[in-house]
N, C-alpha and C. Protein backbone atom coordinates (compact mmCIF):
# COMPACT_ATOMS: atom_id res chain seq x y z
N MET A 1 73.40 45.87 21.93
CA MET A 1 72.13 45.65 20.49
C MET A 1 70.72 45.42 21.86
N ASN A 2 69.68 45.65 21.33
CA ASN A 2 68.31 45.42 21.98
C ASN A 2 67.86 44.66 21.35
N SER A 3 67.30 43.61 21.55
CA SER A 3 67.06 41.82 21.00
C SER A 3 64.99 42.21 21.98
N GLN A 4 64.20 42.07 21.00
CA GLN A 4 62.92 42.10 21.36
C GLN A 4 62.23 40.74 21.77
N ARG A 5 62.09 40.74 22.93
CA ARG A 5 61.55 39.21 23.39
C ARG A 5 60.29 38.70 23.00
N ARG A 6 60.12 37.58 22.96
CA ARG A 6 58.48 37.36 22.84
C ARG A 6 57.80 37.05 24.02
N LYS A 7 56.82 37.04 23.87
CA LYS A 7 55.78 36.76 25.44
C LYS A 7 55.79 35.38 24.90
N PRO A 8 55.46 34.81 25.89
CA PRO A 8 55.27 32.96 26.19
C PRO A 8 54.39 32.42 25.64
N TYR A 9 53.19 33.51 25.27
CA TYR A 9 51.97 32.58 24.68
C TYR A 9 51.71 33.24 22.96
N ASP A 10 52.76 33.94 22.49
CA ASP A 10 52.73 34.24 21.55
C ASP A 10 52.88 32.95 20.27
N THR A 11 53.62 32.15 20.66
CA THR A 11 53.52 31.10 19.93
C THR A 11 52.70 30.05 19.50
N ALA A 12 51.73 30.12 20.79
CA ALA A 12 50.39 29.21 20.66
C ALA A 12 49.47 29.90 20.25
N VAL A 13 49.34 30.91 19.58
CA VAL A 13 47.71 31.79 18.66
C VAL A 13 47.84 30.90 17.54
N SER A 14 49.02 30.52 16.43
CA SER A 14 48.66 30.36 15.33
C SER A 14 47.94 28.70 15.47
N PRO A 15 49.00 28.13 15.90
CA PRO A 15 48.00 26.54 16.50
C PRO A 15 46.79 26.73 16.80
N VAL A 16 46.30 27.41 17.99
CA VAL A 16 44.87 27.33 18.11
C VAL A 16 43.98 27.86 16.79
N VAL A 17 44.37 29.57 16.57
CA VAL A 17 43.49 29.55 15.13
C VAL A 17 43.25 28.17 14.41
N GLY A 18 44.62 27.63 14.06
CA GLY A 18 44.79 26.58 12.82
C GLY A 18 43.37 25.25 13.60
N VAL A 19 43.61 24.95 14.54
CA VAL A 19 42.73 24.01 15.25
C VAL A 19 41.26 24.35 15.34
N MET A 20 40.83 25.60 15.25
CA MET A 20 39.70 26.39 15.47
C MET A 20 39.01 26.34 13.91
N LEU A 21 39.72 26.67 13.00
CA LEU A 21 39.41 26.54 11.79
C LEU A 21 38.71 25.31 11.27
N MET A 22 39.58 24.42 11.18
CA MET A 22 39.92 22.72 11.35
C MET A 22 37.94 22.07 11.93
N LEU A 23 38.28 22.85 12.97
CA LEU A 23 36.88 22.59 13.67
C LEU A 23 35.40 22.96 12.93
N VAL A 24 35.62 24.38 12.78
CA VAL A 24 34.75 24.74 11.85
C VAL A 24 34.77 23.93 10.48
N VAL A 25 35.56 23.79 9.82
CA VAL A 25 35.63 23.20 8.16
C VAL A 25 34.49 21.59 9.11
N VAL A 26 34.86 21.07 10.10
CA VAL A 26 34.43 19.76 10.14
C VAL A 26 33.05 19.64 10.43
N ILE A 27 32.73 20.82 11.01
CA ILE A 27 31.43 20.80 11.46
C ILE A 27 30.31 21.30 10.23
N ILE A 28 30.96 22.40 9.59
CA ILE A 28 30.35 22.58 8.39
C ILE A 28 29.90 21.30 7.27
N ILE A 29 31.09 20.45 7.17
CA ILE A 29 30.91 19.29 6.46
C ILE A 29 29.90 18.36 7.04
N ALA A 30 29.90 18.00 8.33
CA ALA A 30 28.75 17.27 8.79
C ALA A 30 27.28 17.84 8.99
N ALA A 31 27.06 19.11 8.83
CA ALA A 31 26.09 19.98 8.83
C ALA A 31 25.40 19.40 7.03
N VAL A 32 26.26 19.69 6.00
CA VAL A 32 25.95 19.39 4.95
C VAL A 32 25.50 18.37 4.62
N LEU A 33 26.42 16.93 5.13
CA LEU A 33 26.29 15.48 4.94
C LEU A 33 24.75 15.19 5.41
N SER A 34 24.68 15.46 6.88
CA SER A 34 23.64 15.41 7.26
C SER A 34 22.18 15.46 6.73
N ALA A 35 22.42 16.95 6.21
CA ALA A 35 21.08 17.16 5.66
C ALA A 35 20.46 16.66 4.23
N PHE A 36 21.68 16.09 3.41
CA PHE A 36 22.03 15.55 2.33
C PHE A 36 21.37 14.24 2.90
N ALA A 37 21.46 13.74 3.60
CA ALA A 37 21.14 12.18 4.13
C ALA A 37 19.42 12.54 4.45
N GLY A 38 19.47 13.22 5.37
CA GLY A 38 18.00 13.83 5.78
C GLY A 38 17.24 13.74 4.22
N GLY A 39 17.44 14.60 3.62
CA GLY A 39 16.82 14.64 2.06
C GLY A 39 16.34 13.49 1.87
N GLN A 40 17.29 12.72 1.22
CA GLN A 40 17.51 11.39 0.77
C GLN A 40 16.39 10.30 1.56
N ALA A 41 16.18 10.34 2.67
CA ALA A 41 15.62 9.67 3.51
C ALA A 41 14.02 10.08 3.81
N GLY A 42 14.32 11.52 3.39
CA GLY A 42 12.72 12.03 3.25
C GLY A 42 11.86 11.70 2.02
N SER A 43 12.63 11.43 0.95
CA SER A 43 12.37 11.36 -0.34
C SER A 43 11.51 9.75 -0.51
N VAL A 44 12.63 8.99 0.08
CA VAL A 44 12.28 7.52 0.26
C VAL A 44 10.86 7.04 0.87
N ASN A 45 10.92 7.81 2.15
CA ASN A 45 9.46 7.62 2.86
C ASN A 45 8.70 8.30 2.97
N LYS A 46 8.28 9.28 2.16
CA LYS A 46 7.49 9.90 1.91
C LYS A 46 6.15 9.28 1.02
N PRO A 47 5.13 9.49 1.73
CA PRO A 47 3.58 8.57 1.15
C PRO A 47 3.51 9.32 -0.11
N PRO A 48 3.09 8.63 -1.18
CA PRO A 48 2.37 8.94 -2.27
C PRO A 48 1.13 9.93 -1.88
N THR A 49 0.80 10.78 -2.80
CA THR A 49 -0.12 11.93 -3.13
C THR A 49 -1.03 10.95 -3.82
N VAL A 50 -2.63 10.61 -3.60
CA VAL A 50 -3.14 10.02 -4.25
C VAL A 50 -4.49 9.85 -4.07
N SER A 51 -5.29 10.00 -4.74
CA SER A 51 -6.77 9.99 -4.69
C SER A 51 -7.60 8.97 -5.26
N MET A 52 -8.26 8.34 -4.40
CA MET A 52 -8.50 7.01 -4.42
C MET A 52 -9.95 6.55 -4.67
N GLU A 53 -10.68 5.65 -5.02
CA GLU A 53 -12.07 5.41 -5.06
C GLU A 53 -12.71 4.00 -4.81
N VAL A 54 -13.50 3.52 -3.95
CA VAL A 54 -13.59 1.99 -3.32
C VAL A 54 -14.82 1.83 -3.44
N TRP A 55 -15.60 1.20 -4.28
CA TRP A 55 -17.24 0.88 -4.27
C TRP A 55 -17.46 -0.42 -4.20
N ILE A 56 -18.95 -0.64 -4.00
CA ILE A 56 -19.14 -2.29 -4.14
C ILE A 56 -19.80 -2.40 -5.20
N GLU A 57 -19.43 -2.85 -6.18
CA GLU A 57 -20.59 -2.77 -7.47
C GLU A 57 -21.56 -3.94 -7.54
N PRO A 58 -22.72 -4.27 -7.92
CA PRO A 58 -23.78 -5.17 -8.16
C PRO A 58 -23.65 -5.53 -9.13
N GLY A 59 -23.79 -7.18 -9.17
CA GLY A 59 -23.83 -7.57 -11.14
C GLY A 59 -25.12 -8.03 -11.22
N ASP A 60 -25.39 -8.57 -11.99
CA ASP A 60 -26.56 -9.41 -12.66
C ASP A 60 -27.48 -9.79 -11.41
N THR A 61 -26.56 -10.71 -10.68
CA THR A 61 -26.62 -11.63 -9.31
C THR A 61 -25.87 -11.26 -8.47
N PHE A 62 -26.49 -12.08 -7.32
CA PHE A 62 -25.85 -11.34 -5.81
C PHE A 62 -24.13 -12.29 -6.06
N ALA A 63 -24.03 -13.29 -6.41
CA ALA A 63 -22.67 -13.62 -6.66
C ALA A 63 -21.64 -12.61 -7.65
N ASP A 64 -22.34 -12.31 -8.48
CA ASP A 64 -21.53 -10.92 -9.41
C ASP A 64 -20.83 -9.52 -8.73
N THR A 65 -21.65 -9.53 -7.68
CA THR A 65 -21.17 -8.39 -6.98
C THR A 65 -19.50 -8.36 -6.80
N GLU A 66 -19.28 -7.25 -6.59
CA GLU A 66 -17.63 -7.08 -6.92
C GLU A 66 -17.49 -5.76 -6.08
N MET A 67 -15.77 -5.59 -5.31
CA MET A 67 -15.27 -4.37 -4.90
C MET A 67 -14.14 -4.14 -5.85
N ASN A 68 -14.46 -2.82 -6.02
CA ASN A 68 -13.52 -1.84 -6.86
C ASN A 68 -12.31 -1.18 -6.33
N PHE A 69 -11.64 -0.82 -6.97
CA PHE A 69 -10.76 0.17 -6.75
C PHE A 69 -10.00 0.70 -7.61
N ARG A 70 -10.41 2.09 -7.86
CA ARG A 70 -10.12 2.90 -8.56
C ARG A 70 -8.77 4.20 -8.34
N HIS A 71 -8.04 4.28 -9.08
CA HIS A 71 -6.98 5.04 -8.98
C HIS A 71 -7.25 6.65 -9.82
N LEU A 72 -7.85 7.75 -8.74
CA LEU A 72 -8.65 8.84 -9.52
C LEU A 72 -7.45 9.86 -10.15
N GLY A 73 -6.16 9.70 -9.64
CA GLY A 73 -5.40 10.90 -9.91
C GLY A 73 -4.03 10.98 -8.65
N GLY A 74 -3.09 11.48 -9.25
CA GLY A 74 -2.06 11.27 -8.17
C GLY A 74 -0.84 10.67 -8.69
N ASP A 75 0.26 10.14 -7.41
CA ASP A 75 1.11 9.38 -8.08
C ASP A 75 0.76 8.27 -8.34
N PRO A 76 1.63 7.40 -9.26
CA PRO A 76 1.51 6.29 -9.27
C PRO A 76 1.75 4.88 -7.72
N ILE A 77 1.10 4.08 -7.62
CA ILE A 77 1.44 3.09 -6.78
C ILE A 77 1.97 2.10 -7.30
N HIS A 78 3.19 1.24 -6.74
CA HIS A 78 3.30 -0.26 -6.88
C HIS A 78 2.57 -1.09 -5.82
N THR A 79 1.83 -2.14 -6.15
CA THR A 79 1.18 -2.76 -5.40
C THR A 79 1.69 -3.39 -4.38
N LYS A 80 3.01 -3.38 -4.62
CA LYS A 80 3.77 -4.28 -3.73
C LYS A 80 4.27 -3.61 -2.54
N ASP A 81 4.06 -2.22 -2.75
CA ASP A 81 4.19 -1.32 -1.67
C ASP A 81 3.08 -0.85 -0.84
N ILE A 82 1.78 -1.47 -0.84
CA ILE A 82 0.72 -1.14 -0.08
C ILE A 82 0.28 -2.39 0.47
N GLN A 83 -0.40 -2.25 1.70
CA GLN A 83 -1.81 -2.80 1.86
C GLN A 83 -2.80 -2.46 2.16
N ILE A 84 -3.74 -3.77 1.76
CA ILE A 84 -5.25 -3.40 2.25
C ILE A 84 -5.99 -3.71 3.39
N ILE A 85 -6.44 -2.96 4.10
CA ILE A 85 -6.78 -3.46 5.60
C ILE A 85 -8.11 -3.11 5.75
N THR A 86 -8.79 -4.60 6.02
CA THR A 86 -10.27 -4.37 5.75
C THR A 86 -10.78 -4.95 7.23
N SER A 87 -11.80 -4.08 7.55
CA SER A 87 -12.90 -4.30 8.63
C SER A 87 -14.45 -4.46 8.64
N PHE A 88 -14.81 -5.75 8.79
CA PHE A 88 -16.55 -6.09 9.02
C PHE A 88 -16.75 -6.25 10.14
N ARG A 89 -17.80 -5.52 10.50
CA ARG A 89 -18.80 -6.40 11.73
C ARG A 89 -19.71 -7.27 11.41
N ASN A 90 -20.02 -8.25 11.85
CA ASN A 90 -21.46 -9.02 11.22
C ASN A 90 -22.83 -8.86 12.19
N SER A 91 -23.46 -9.29 12.05
CA SER A 91 -24.87 -8.95 12.53
C SER A 91 -24.71 -9.53 13.98
N SER A 92 -23.61 -10.45 14.53
CA SER A 92 -23.81 -10.69 16.09
C SER A 92 -22.31 -9.90 16.76
N GLY A 93 -21.76 -8.86 15.91
CA GLY A 93 -20.89 -8.54 16.86
C GLY A 93 -19.40 -8.77 16.15
N TYR A 94 -19.44 -10.15 15.77
CA TYR A 94 -17.99 -10.43 15.31
C TYR A 94 -16.99 -9.85 14.33
N VAL A 95 -15.78 -8.90 14.47
CA VAL A 95 -15.07 -8.31 13.52
C VAL A 95 -14.21 -9.20 12.62
N TYR A 96 -14.36 -9.10 11.28
CA TYR A 96 -13.63 -9.78 10.47
C TYR A 96 -12.75 -8.87 9.70
N ARG A 97 -10.92 -8.92 10.21
CA ARG A 97 -10.25 -8.10 10.03
C ARG A 97 -9.19 -9.06 9.12
N HIS A 98 -8.64 -8.08 8.07
CA HIS A 98 -7.99 -8.80 6.97
C HIS A 98 -6.98 -8.08 6.42
N ILE A 99 -5.62 -8.26 6.16
CA ILE A 99 -4.61 -7.45 5.45
C ILE A 99 -4.45 -8.20 4.58
N GLN A 100 -4.36 -7.52 3.07
CA GLN A 100 -4.02 -8.23 1.85
C GLN A 100 -2.60 -7.76 1.51
N THR A 101 -1.68 -8.51 1.15
CA THR A 101 -0.41 -7.95 0.94
C THR A 101 0.03 -8.82 -0.37
N SER A 102 0.97 -8.84 -0.82
CA SER A 102 1.82 -8.71 -2.06
C SER A 102 1.75 -10.15 -2.13
N SER A 103 2.27 -10.96 -0.94
CA SER A 103 2.29 -12.03 -0.46
C SER A 103 1.46 -12.89 0.27
N SER A 104 0.13 -12.39 0.01
CA SER A 104 -1.15 -13.04 0.38
C SER A 104 -1.57 -14.48 -0.90
N ASP A 105 -1.83 -15.19 -0.46
CA ASP A 105 -2.21 -16.45 -1.49
C ASP A 105 -3.21 -15.95 -2.32
N PRO A 106 -2.99 -16.69 -3.15
CA PRO A 106 -4.35 -16.27 -4.76
C PRO A 106 -5.22 -16.98 -4.24
N SER A 107 -6.47 -16.56 -4.88
CA SER A 107 -7.73 -16.95 -4.76
C SER A 107 -8.62 -17.76 -5.63
N HIS A 108 -9.27 -18.77 -5.10
CA HIS A 108 -10.52 -19.11 -6.62
C HIS A 108 -11.23 -18.15 -6.57
N MET A 109 -11.25 -17.86 -8.14
CA MET A 109 -13.00 -16.74 -8.61
C MET A 109 -13.41 -17.28 -9.81
N TYR A 110 -13.01 -18.42 -10.27
CA TYR A 110 -13.73 -18.65 -11.35
C TYR A 110 -14.07 -20.72 -11.08
N SER A 111 -14.70 -21.19 -11.99
CA SER A 111 -14.99 -22.53 -11.84
C SER A 111 -14.20 -23.53 -11.98
N THR A 112 -13.05 -23.42 -12.88
CA THR A 112 -11.90 -24.17 -12.95
C THR A 112 -10.96 -23.61 -11.60
N ALA A 113 -10.65 -24.91 -10.66
CA ALA A 113 -9.57 -24.60 -9.72
C ALA A 113 -8.24 -23.96 -9.96
N SER A 114 -7.70 -24.42 -11.28
CA SER A 114 -6.64 -23.68 -11.19
C SER A 114 -6.43 -22.53 -11.73
N ASN A 115 -7.66 -21.74 -11.96
CA ASN A 115 -7.63 -20.18 -12.20
C ASN A 115 -7.78 -19.86 -10.97
N ARG A 116 -6.62 -19.30 -10.51
CA ARG A 116 -6.17 -18.53 -9.25
C ARG A 116 -5.45 -17.17 -9.48
N ASN A 117 -5.83 -16.38 -8.84
CA ASN A 117 -5.32 -14.80 -8.91
C ASN A 117 -5.27 -14.06 -7.03
N ARG A 118 -3.96 -13.44 -7.20
CA ARG A 118 -4.29 -12.74 -5.98
C ARG A 118 -4.75 -11.23 -6.18
N LEU A 119 -5.72 -11.44 -5.23
CA LEU A 119 -6.96 -10.03 -5.41
C LEU A 119 -6.58 -8.85 -4.65
N PRO A 120 -6.76 -7.45 -4.77
CA PRO A 120 -7.85 -7.46 -6.28
C PRO A 120 -6.61 -7.51 -7.51
N TYR A 121 -7.29 -7.94 -8.16
CA TYR A 121 -6.22 -8.01 -9.44
C TYR A 121 -6.76 -6.67 -10.15
N LEU A 122 -5.58 -6.52 -11.53
CA LEU A 122 -5.80 -5.08 -12.51
C LEU A 122 -6.58 -5.69 -13.25
N ALA A 123 -7.90 -5.07 -13.65
CA ALA A 123 -8.76 -5.03 -14.27
C ALA A 123 -8.33 -4.20 -15.80
N ASP A 124 -7.95 -5.11 -16.73
CA ASP A 124 -7.38 -4.45 -18.00
C ASP A 124 -7.62 -5.47 -18.72
N ILE A 125 -8.75 -5.12 -19.76
CA ILE A 125 -9.37 -6.14 -20.43
C ILE A 125 -8.41 -6.20 -22.02
N THR A 126 -8.08 -5.41 -21.88
CA THR A 126 -6.79 -5.28 -23.22
C THR A 126 -5.47 -6.73 -22.95
N THR A 127 -5.16 -6.67 -22.00
CA THR A 127 -4.12 -8.29 -21.96
C THR A 127 -5.15 -9.34 -21.83
N GLY A 128 -6.14 -9.94 -21.80
CA GLY A 128 -6.82 -10.56 -21.50
C GLY A 128 -7.65 -11.05 -20.18
N ARG A 129 -7.82 -12.24 -19.65
CA ARG A 129 -8.09 -12.37 -18.27
C ARG A 129 -7.27 -12.50 -17.39
N ALA A 130 -7.54 -12.13 -16.29
CA ALA A 130 -6.33 -12.40 -15.21
C ALA A 130 -5.81 -13.54 -15.11
N ALA A 131 -6.89 -14.61 -15.04
CA ALA A 131 -6.43 -15.90 -14.72
C ALA A 131 -5.07 -16.64 -15.44
N SER A 132 -5.19 -15.94 -16.54
CA SER A 132 -4.09 -16.42 -17.67
C SER A 132 -3.22 -15.60 -17.47
N ASN A 133 -2.96 -14.46 -16.83
CA ASN A 133 -1.78 -13.40 -17.11
C ASN A 133 -1.70 -12.92 -15.49
N PRO A 134 -1.28 -14.10 -14.83
CA PRO A 134 -1.09 -13.87 -13.19
C PRO A 134 0.06 -13.10 -12.57
N ASP A 135 0.87 -13.29 -13.66
CA ASP A 135 2.36 -12.38 -13.58
C ASP A 135 2.32 -10.77 -14.05
N THR A 136 1.51 -10.57 -14.43
CA THR A 136 1.18 -9.15 -14.65
C THR A 136 -0.10 -8.23 -13.92
N LYS A 137 -1.03 -9.30 -13.63
CA LYS A 137 -2.39 -8.56 -13.13
C LYS A 137 -2.37 -8.99 -11.65
N ASP A 138 -1.79 -10.09 -11.08
CA ASP A 138 -2.03 -10.37 -9.82
C ASP A 138 -1.53 -8.97 -8.82
N TYR A 139 -2.01 -8.65 -8.07
CA TYR A 139 -1.86 -7.57 -6.28
C TYR A 139 -0.54 -8.05 -6.40
N GLY A 140 0.36 -6.87 -6.36
CA GLY A 140 1.54 -6.97 -5.97
C GLY A 140 2.56 -7.05 -6.69
N ASN A 141 1.95 -7.16 -8.48
CA ASN A 141 3.10 -7.51 -9.40
C ASN A 141 2.57 -5.86 -10.32
N PHE A 142 1.85 -5.30 -9.92
CA PHE A 142 1.63 -4.12 -11.10
C PHE A 142 1.70 -2.77 -10.56
N THR A 143 1.99 -1.79 -11.22
CA THR A 143 1.53 -0.54 -11.07
C THR A 143 0.15 0.36 -10.86
N LEU A 144 -0.28 0.78 -10.08
CA LEU A 144 -1.63 1.21 -10.41
C LEU A 144 -1.32 2.75 -10.82
N ASN A 145 -1.95 3.25 -12.14
CA ASN A 145 -1.65 4.82 -12.51
C ASN A 145 -3.04 5.44 -12.16
N THR A 146 -3.38 6.31 -12.73
CA THR A 146 -4.41 7.04 -13.09
C THR A 146 -5.35 6.72 -13.76
N GLY A 147 -6.56 6.25 -13.18
CA GLY A 147 -7.62 5.75 -14.15
C GLY A 147 -7.55 4.28 -14.14
N ASP A 148 -6.50 3.22 -13.45
CA ASP A 148 -6.71 2.07 -13.20
C ASP A 148 -7.72 1.47 -12.50
N VAL A 149 -8.42 0.42 -12.51
CA VAL A 149 -9.23 -0.21 -11.44
C VAL A 149 -8.28 -1.84 -11.07
N MET A 150 -8.71 -1.86 -9.72
CA MET A 150 -8.34 -3.24 -9.47
C MET A 150 -9.67 -3.82 -8.98
N THR A 151 -9.99 -5.11 -9.09
CA THR A 151 -11.17 -6.00 -8.83
C THR A 151 -11.27 -7.03 -8.06
N THR A 152 -12.22 -7.31 -7.46
CA THR A 152 -12.22 -8.83 -6.93
C THR A 152 -13.05 -9.52 -7.85
N ASN A 153 -13.51 -9.04 -8.88
CA ASN A 153 -13.91 -9.89 -9.83
C ASN A 153 -15.59 -10.25 -9.57
N ASN A 154 -15.61 -11.04 -8.16
CA ASN A 154 -17.15 -11.38 -7.87
C ASN A 154 -17.01 -11.58 -6.61
N LEU A 155 -18.56 -11.87 -5.80
CA LEU A 155 -18.88 -11.80 -4.48
C LEU A 155 -17.55 -12.50 -3.70
N TRP A 156 -17.21 -13.85 -4.32
CA TRP A 156 -16.07 -14.72 -3.60
C TRP A 156 -15.03 -13.87 -3.57
N GLY A 157 -14.33 -13.56 -4.09
CA GLY A 157 -13.37 -12.89 -4.19
C GLY A 157 -13.38 -11.77 -3.25
N MET A 158 -14.39 -11.01 -3.36
CA MET A 158 -14.83 -10.01 -2.25
C MET A 158 -14.55 -10.41 -0.84
N ALA A 159 -15.69 -11.98 -0.82
CA ALA A 159 -15.26 -12.17 0.47
C ALA A 159 -13.76 -12.67 1.00
N GLU A 160 -13.03 -13.11 0.61
CA GLU A 160 -11.68 -13.60 0.50
C GLU A 160 -10.68 -12.24 1.00
N LEU A 161 -11.33 -11.13 0.26
CA LEU A 161 -10.44 -10.19 0.30
C LEU A 161 -10.53 -9.76 1.84
N LEU A 162 -12.06 -9.72 1.92
CA LEU A 162 -12.62 -9.45 3.59
C LEU A 162 -12.41 -10.45 4.92
N GLY A 163 -11.96 -11.37 4.37
CA GLY A 163 -11.67 -12.45 5.50
C GLY A 163 -12.69 -13.37 5.79
N VAL A 164 -14.00 -13.19 4.56
CA VAL A 164 -15.23 -13.68 5.33
C VAL A 164 -15.12 -15.00 4.85
N PRO A 165 -15.53 -16.21 5.12
CA PRO A 165 -15.49 -17.58 4.91
C PRO A 165 -16.81 -17.98 3.49
N TRP A 166 -16.26 -18.81 3.10
CA TRP A 166 -17.33 -18.94 1.75
C TRP A 166 -17.21 -20.20 1.61
N THR A 167 -18.11 -21.15 0.78
CA THR A 167 -18.05 -22.73 0.74
C THR A 167 -17.90 -22.30 -1.06
N ARG A 168 -17.11 -23.16 -1.35
CA ARG A 168 -17.34 -23.52 -2.94
C ARG A 168 -18.17 -24.55 -3.38
N GLY A 169 -19.03 -24.02 -4.40
CA GLY A 169 -20.03 -25.23 -4.89
C GLY A 169 -19.46 -25.63 -6.08
N SER A 170 -20.52 -27.04 -6.15
CA SER A 170 -20.15 -27.60 -7.21
C SER A 170 -21.70 -27.89 -7.85
N PRO A 171 -22.40 -27.08 -9.07
CA PRO A 171 -21.35 -26.17 -9.88
C PRO A 171 -20.69 -24.93 -9.30
N PHE A 172 -19.83 -24.51 -9.46
CA PHE A 172 -19.11 -23.14 -8.92
C PHE A 172 -20.50 -22.11 -8.74
N SER A 173 -21.36 -22.18 -9.35
CA SER A 173 -22.56 -21.16 -9.23
C SER A 173 -23.30 -21.23 -7.74
N ASP A 174 -23.11 -22.58 -7.21
CA ASP A 174 -23.60 -22.78 -6.16
C ASP A 174 -22.52 -22.49 -4.86
N SER A 175 -21.90 -21.77 -5.11
CA SER A 175 -21.05 -21.38 -4.18
C SER A 175 -21.94 -20.46 -2.89
N ARG A 176 -21.70 -20.32 -2.09
CA ARG A 176 -22.37 -19.54 -0.76
C ARG A 176 -21.27 -18.99 0.25
N LEU A 177 -21.85 -18.03 0.86
CA LEU A 177 -20.98 -17.18 1.74
C LEU A 177 -21.56 -18.15 3.24
N ASP A 178 -20.54 -18.28 3.67
CA ASP A 178 -20.54 -19.00 5.15
C ASP A 178 -21.54 -17.94 6.44
N ASP A 179 -21.47 -16.63 6.34
CA ASP A 179 -21.77 -15.74 6.94
C ASP A 179 -22.94 -14.75 5.99
N SER A 180 -23.81 -14.52 6.24
CA SER A 180 -24.99 -14.29 5.37
C SER A 180 -25.04 -12.73 5.92
N SER A 181 -24.39 -12.57 7.00
CA SER A 181 -24.10 -10.90 7.26
C SER A 181 -23.92 -9.65 6.22
N LEU A 182 -22.91 -10.68 5.42
CA LEU A 182 -22.54 -9.40 4.40
C LEU A 182 -23.23 -9.43 3.35
N LYS A 183 -24.19 -8.61 3.34
CA LYS A 183 -24.98 -8.30 2.39
C LYS A 183 -25.18 -7.09 1.91
N PRO A 184 -26.20 -6.59 1.12
CA PRO A 184 -26.12 -5.04 0.92
C PRO A 184 -26.76 -4.41 2.55
N GLY A 185 -26.48 -3.40 2.52
CA GLY A 185 -26.24 -2.63 3.73
C GLY A 185 -25.19 -2.87 4.87
N SER A 186 -24.14 -3.59 4.61
CA SER A 186 -23.18 -3.75 5.59
C SER A 186 -22.05 -2.88 5.07
N ILE A 187 -21.52 -2.33 6.14
CA ILE A 187 -20.44 -0.99 6.35
C ILE A 187 -19.03 -1.85 6.33
N ILE A 188 -18.18 -1.67 5.49
CA ILE A 188 -16.95 -1.96 5.25
C ILE A 188 -16.01 -0.95 5.33
N GLU A 189 -15.16 -1.32 6.24
CA GLU A 189 -13.95 0.27 6.77
C GLU A 189 -12.84 -0.41 5.84
N VAL A 190 -12.38 0.44 5.11
CA VAL A 190 -11.29 0.21 4.16
C VAL A 190 -10.44 1.17 4.17
N ARG A 191 -8.80 0.95 4.55
CA ARG A 191 -7.61 1.27 4.62
C ARG A 191 -6.76 0.47 3.88
N ILE A 192 -5.96 1.86 3.15
CA ILE A 192 -4.88 1.08 2.28
C ILE A 192 -3.11 1.67 3.52
N LEU A 193 -2.55 1.38 3.49
CA LEU A 193 -1.18 1.61 4.10
C LEU A 193 -0.23 1.46 3.01
N HIS A 194 0.74 2.32 3.19
CA HIS A 194 1.80 2.65 2.29
C HIS A 194 2.89 2.30 3.08
N ASN A 195 3.54 0.79 2.62
CA ASN A 195 4.28 0.23 3.63
C ASN A 195 6.02 1.08 3.94
N PRO A 196 6.78 1.61 2.95
CA PRO A 196 7.73 2.65 2.87
C PRO A 196 7.58 3.99 3.74
N SER A 197 6.68 4.21 4.06
CA SER A 197 6.49 5.68 4.71
C SER A 197 5.61 5.07 5.92
N GLY A 198 5.31 4.03 6.28
CA GLY A 198 4.51 3.75 7.10
C GLY A 198 2.73 4.51 7.41
N LYS A 199 2.36 5.21 6.29
CA LYS A 199 1.33 6.15 6.51
C LYS A 199 0.03 5.50 5.52
N MET A 200 -0.85 5.88 5.85
CA MET A 200 -2.16 5.64 5.53
C MET A 200 -2.57 6.58 4.33
N ILE A 201 -2.57 5.94 3.22
CA ILE A 201 -3.01 7.00 2.01
C ILE A 201 -4.69 6.85 1.68
N PHE A 202 -5.42 6.11 2.55
CA PHE A 202 -6.40 5.96 2.08
C PHE A 202 -7.41 5.35 3.15
N GLU A 203 -8.65 5.87 3.42
CA GLU A 203 -9.33 5.50 4.62
C GLU A 203 -10.76 5.76 4.80
N LYS A 204 -11.86 5.15 4.17
CA LYS A 204 -13.28 5.06 4.32
C LYS A 204 -13.80 4.00 4.65
N ASP A 205 -15.13 4.48 5.30
CA ASP A 205 -16.12 3.21 5.18
C ASP A 205 -17.52 2.93 3.96
N VAL A 206 -17.09 2.26 3.53
CA VAL A 206 -17.83 1.41 2.12
C VAL A 206 -18.57 1.30 2.44
N VAL A 207 -20.17 1.10 1.97
CA VAL A 207 -21.30 0.80 2.18
C VAL A 207 -21.84 -0.04 0.95
N PHE A 208 -22.09 -1.53 1.41
CA PHE A 208 -22.57 -2.41 -0.02
C PHE A 208 -23.89 -2.35 -0.12
N ARG A 209 -24.10 -1.34 -1.25
CA ARG A 209 -25.22 -1.04 -1.50
C ARG A 209 -25.84 -2.52 -2.59
């Protein structure tokens, strides 16, 4: 009676194929998870698409001059997620640089010392004055949507946003800038940084007219 002999390597074929199949499955799963995680991270860190307008609005008096920010269109922006970075060179060459964040100190803008707001606040007259609604109007507490405007309210608020010193007068209308270089004709660099993505979403030289 003849019997067939197995070659020594025949018994190793099935385990090798099985191991290879397992490796392929593991690699595919790892690739899928990596792609999913990458997509999630990309969506979280993607900067918003937005169109902004920044201008300096002259008032009836020099003290009434204000800096305004208008959301023209695009994605809504929560102000806690952005920094306003300004730079202004005075007549002697000194550069004032300032970064405004949602944790910056509130500023005096009215004659009453208790009336303080973190600038620029939301200019929404339908909910009353900003000083009486700091929880909803202070910079860092609201979302900027298309058509919304943020404002410094007056020249002193603008000076604080730029980091330019000023002296509060008594009466308040006698307040004055400590650096008279900030005047019509001045050029102010304004940038807006989106914190989650680390990307600039606005950059412009604004002329004080």
